[in-house]
Amino acid sequence: MPKIDLSKIPFRNGSGYPGKLAKAGDDRYVQPLGDANGLTQIGVNIVRLEPNGLSSLRHYHMEQDEFAIMLSGTCTLIDDDGEHEMQPGDCAAWPAGDTNGHHLVNKTDAPATFLVVGTRTPTETGYYSDLDMMVKFDPDGFAFTRKDGSPLTADQIGDDND
């Protein structure tokens, strides 16, 4: 089993969200361990959240399981049941199809890191709990729409030129 040299895998910043929603990824950095080492059936990432950073917009997956374990610092897990402090060693899991929208937020003044693991499926639909938005993935890419499948409007995502 080859040892992974973390120093050779750079962190990426940002998100794929449309319009002004992309700002949700400004304080999030992802180190793609699985991609960098040829894994195709699961995603494995270390995520670093700077103070005030969000792991994502609050969401849930229809086809993919997701698991997270805190590595350093403190984050707040926000889900349909409220807010839950997460410290190193604390874990959370979300089975595919569970509609409990979730994300991690760094409400402290220091960086925090966690490992997140998720299944990869050929297709996926994700829903955003606090927005009228969903995302669909297929082998050709992904697209964000309203939850009923209609196009997002400028008032939903804003204009990058504002």
Protein backbone atom coordinates (compact mmCIF):
# COMPACT_ATOMS: atom_id res chain seq x y z
CA MET A 1 0.00 0.00 0.00
CA PRO A 2 1.67 3.24 -1.09
CA LYS A 3 2.06 5.97 1.49
CA ILE A 4 0.57 9.29 0.41
CA ASP A 5 2.84 12.33 0.62
CA LEU A 6 0.39 15.09 1.61
CA SER A 7 3.00 17.77 0.87
CA LYS A 8 2.74 16.90 -2.84
CA ILE A 9 -1.04 17.41 -3.03
CA PRO A 10 -1.96 21.10 -3.15
CA PHE A 11 -5.13 22.52 -1.63
CA ARG A 12 -7.68 23.99 -4.08
CA ASN A 13 -9.85 26.97 -3.21
CA GLY A 14 -13.35 27.88 -4.29
CA SER A 15 -16.59 26.22 -5.28
CA GLY A 16 -18.54 25.40 -8.43
CA TYR A 17 -21.63 27.28 -7.29
CA PRO A 18 -23.16 29.71 -9.80
CA GLY A 19 -23.00 33.51 -9.53
CA LYS A 20 -22.62 35.10 -6.12
CA LEU A 21 -23.22 31.73 -4.46
CA ALA A 22 -19.62 30.88 -5.43
CA LYS A 23 -18.48 33.17 -2.60
CA ALA A 24 -19.51 30.38 -0.20
CA GLY A 25 -16.21 28.69 -1.12
CA ASP A 26 -13.95 31.70 -0.51
CA ASP A 27 -12.71 30.44 2.89
CA ARG A 28 -12.69 26.72 2.02
CA TYR A 29 -9.66 24.79 0.78
CA VAL A 30 -9.84 21.18 -0.40
CA GLN A 31 -6.94 18.73 -0.64
CA PRO A 32 -8.18 15.98 -3.03
CA LEU A 33 -6.49 12.86 -1.66
CA GLY A 34 -8.59 10.37 -3.59
CA ASP A 35 -8.30 12.11 -6.96
CA ALA A 36 -4.56 12.58 -6.56
CA ASN A 37 -4.11 8.87 -5.92
CA GLY A 38 -6.41 7.36 -8.56
CA LEU A 39 -9.47 6.47 -6.47
CA THR A 40 -12.62 6.35 -8.59
CA GLN A 41 -15.28 4.78 -6.36
CA ILE A 42 -14.96 7.09 -3.35
CA GLY A 43 -14.03 10.70 -2.87
CA VAL A 44 -11.55 11.43 -0.06
CA ASN A 45 -10.66 15.00 0.79
CA ILE A 46 -9.13 17.00 3.59
CA VAL A 47 -11.04 20.25 3.90
CA ARG A 48 -9.57 23.30 5.63
CA LEU A 49 -11.98 26.01 6.69
CA GLU A 50 -10.60 29.41 7.55
CA PRO A 51 -12.49 31.46 10.17
CA ASN A 52 -16.07 32.05 8.94
CA GLY A 53 -15.59 29.39 6.23
CA LEU A 54 -18.37 27.05 5.07
CA SER A 55 -17.84 23.50 3.90
CA SER A 56 -20.65 24.02 1.39
CA LEU A 57 -24.12 25.45 1.20
CA ARG A 58 -26.45 23.35 3.37
CA HIS A 59 -27.32 20.29 1.25
CA TYR A 60 -28.14 16.59 1.05
CA HIS A 61 -27.44 13.82 -1.47
CA MET A 62 -29.91 11.39 -3.02
CA GLU A 63 -27.43 8.73 -4.26
CA GLN A 64 -24.21 9.24 -2.33
CA ASP A 65 -23.20 8.52 1.26
CA GLU A 66 -21.06 11.10 3.06
CA PHE A 67 -18.87 10.84 6.18
CA ALA A 68 -16.74 13.44 7.98
CA ILE A 69 -14.29 13.33 10.91
CA MET A 70 -12.77 16.44 12.47
CA LEU A 71 -8.96 16.51 12.39
CA SER A 72 -8.11 19.88 13.95
CA GLY A 73 -9.85 22.96 15.29
CA THR A 74 -13.56 23.30 15.93
CA CYS A 75 -16.46 23.54 13.49
CA THR A 76 -20.19 23.79 13.95
CA LEU A 77 -22.28 21.20 12.16
CA ILE A 78 -25.56 22.83 11.15
CA ASP A 79 -28.34 20.48 10.11
CA ASP A 80 -32.11 20.18 10.40
CA ASP A 81 -31.74 19.37 14.11
CA GLY A 82 -29.78 22.54 14.93
CA GLU A 83 -26.14 23.30 15.69
CA HIS A 84 -23.63 20.75 16.98
CA GLU A 85 -20.05 21.52 17.97
CA MET A 86 -17.51 19.26 16.25
CA GLN A 87 -14.00 18.86 17.68
CA PRO A 88 -11.09 16.59 16.67
CA GLY A 89 -12.25 12.97 16.61
CA ASP A 90 -15.95 13.86 16.29
CA CYS A 91 -17.67 12.21 13.32
CA ALA A 92 -20.86 12.67 11.34
CA ALA A 93 -22.45 10.53 8.64
CA TRP A 94 -25.20 11.14 6.09
CA PRO A 95 -26.61 8.15 4.19
CA ALA A 96 -27.77 8.62 0.61
CA GLY A 97 -31.37 9.79 0.47
CA ASP A 98 -31.40 11.25 4.00
CA THR A 99 -32.98 14.70 3.56
CA ASN A 100 -31.24 16.21 6.61
CA GLY A 101 -29.51 19.19 4.98
CA HIS A 102 -26.09 19.83 6.50
CA HIS A 103 -22.84 21.75 6.34
CA LEU A 104 -19.91 22.63 8.60
CA VAL A 105 -19.11 26.22 9.54
CA ASN A 106 -15.96 27.50 11.22
CA LYS A 107 -17.26 30.00 13.79
CA THR A 108 -13.86 30.30 15.51
CA ASP A 109 -10.89 32.59 14.88
CA ALA A 110 -8.54 29.72 13.91
CA PRO A 111 -8.45 27.34 10.89
CA ALA A 112 -10.11 23.93 11.22
CA THR A 113 -9.68 20.75 9.17
CA PHE A 114 -11.74 17.64 8.61
CA LEU A 115 -11.58 14.54 6.44
CA VAL A 116 -14.62 13.90 4.27
CA VAL A 117 -15.31 10.65 2.43
CA GLY A 118 -18.16 10.05 0.02
CA THR A 119 -19.29 7.49 -2.51
CA ARG A 120 -19.05 8.33 -6.19
CA THR A 121 -21.92 7.32 -8.39
CA PRO A 122 -22.35 7.82 -12.17
CA THR A 123 -25.28 10.14 -11.49
CA GLU A 124 -26.30 12.20 -8.47
CA THR A 125 -28.92 14.71 -7.43
CA GLY A 126 -28.30 17.06 -4.54
CA TYR A 127 -30.68 19.52 -2.95
CA TYR A 128 -29.90 22.75 -1.09
CA SER A 129 -32.00 23.05 2.04
CA ASP A 130 -32.03 26.84 2.33
CA LEU A 131 -32.38 27.66 -1.38
CA ASP A 132 -34.65 26.75 -4.26
CA MET A 133 -31.74 24.95 -5.92
CA MET A 134 -30.64 21.46 -6.86
CA VAL A 135 -27.64 20.07 -8.71
CA LYS A 136 -27.59 17.08 -11.06
CA PHE A 137 -24.39 15.23 -11.95
CA ASP A 138 -23.92 12.80 -14.82
CA PRO A 139 -20.88 11.60 -16.78
CA ASP A 140 -21.03 14.76 -18.93
CA GLY A 141 -20.86 17.23 -16.01
CA PHE A 142 -23.20 18.98 -13.63
CA ALA A 143 -25.92 21.62 -13.73
CA PHE A 144 -27.61 23.77 -11.11
CA THR A 145 -31.35 24.43 -11.46
CA ARG A 146 -34.34 25.25 -9.31
CA LYS A 147 -35.70 22.26 -7.39
CA ASP A 148 -38.41 21.76 -10.03
CA GLY A 149 -35.73 21.60 -12.77
CA SER A 150 -36.40 25.05 -14.22
CA PRO A 151 -33.48 27.46 -14.78
CA LEU A 152 -32.08 29.52 -11.94
CA THR A 153 -32.91 33.21 -12.21
CA ALA A 154 -30.59 36.18 -11.73
CA ASP A 155 -32.31 37.12 -8.46
CA GLN A 156 -31.54 33.63 -7.08
CA ILE A 157 -27.81 33.64 -7.83
CA GLY A 158 -27.02 37.34 -8.28
CA ASP A 159 -24.82 38.85 -10.91
CA ASP A 160 -21.04 38.62 -10.60
CA ASN A 161 -20.78 42.22 -11.85
CA ASP A 162 -22.69 43.78 -8.93
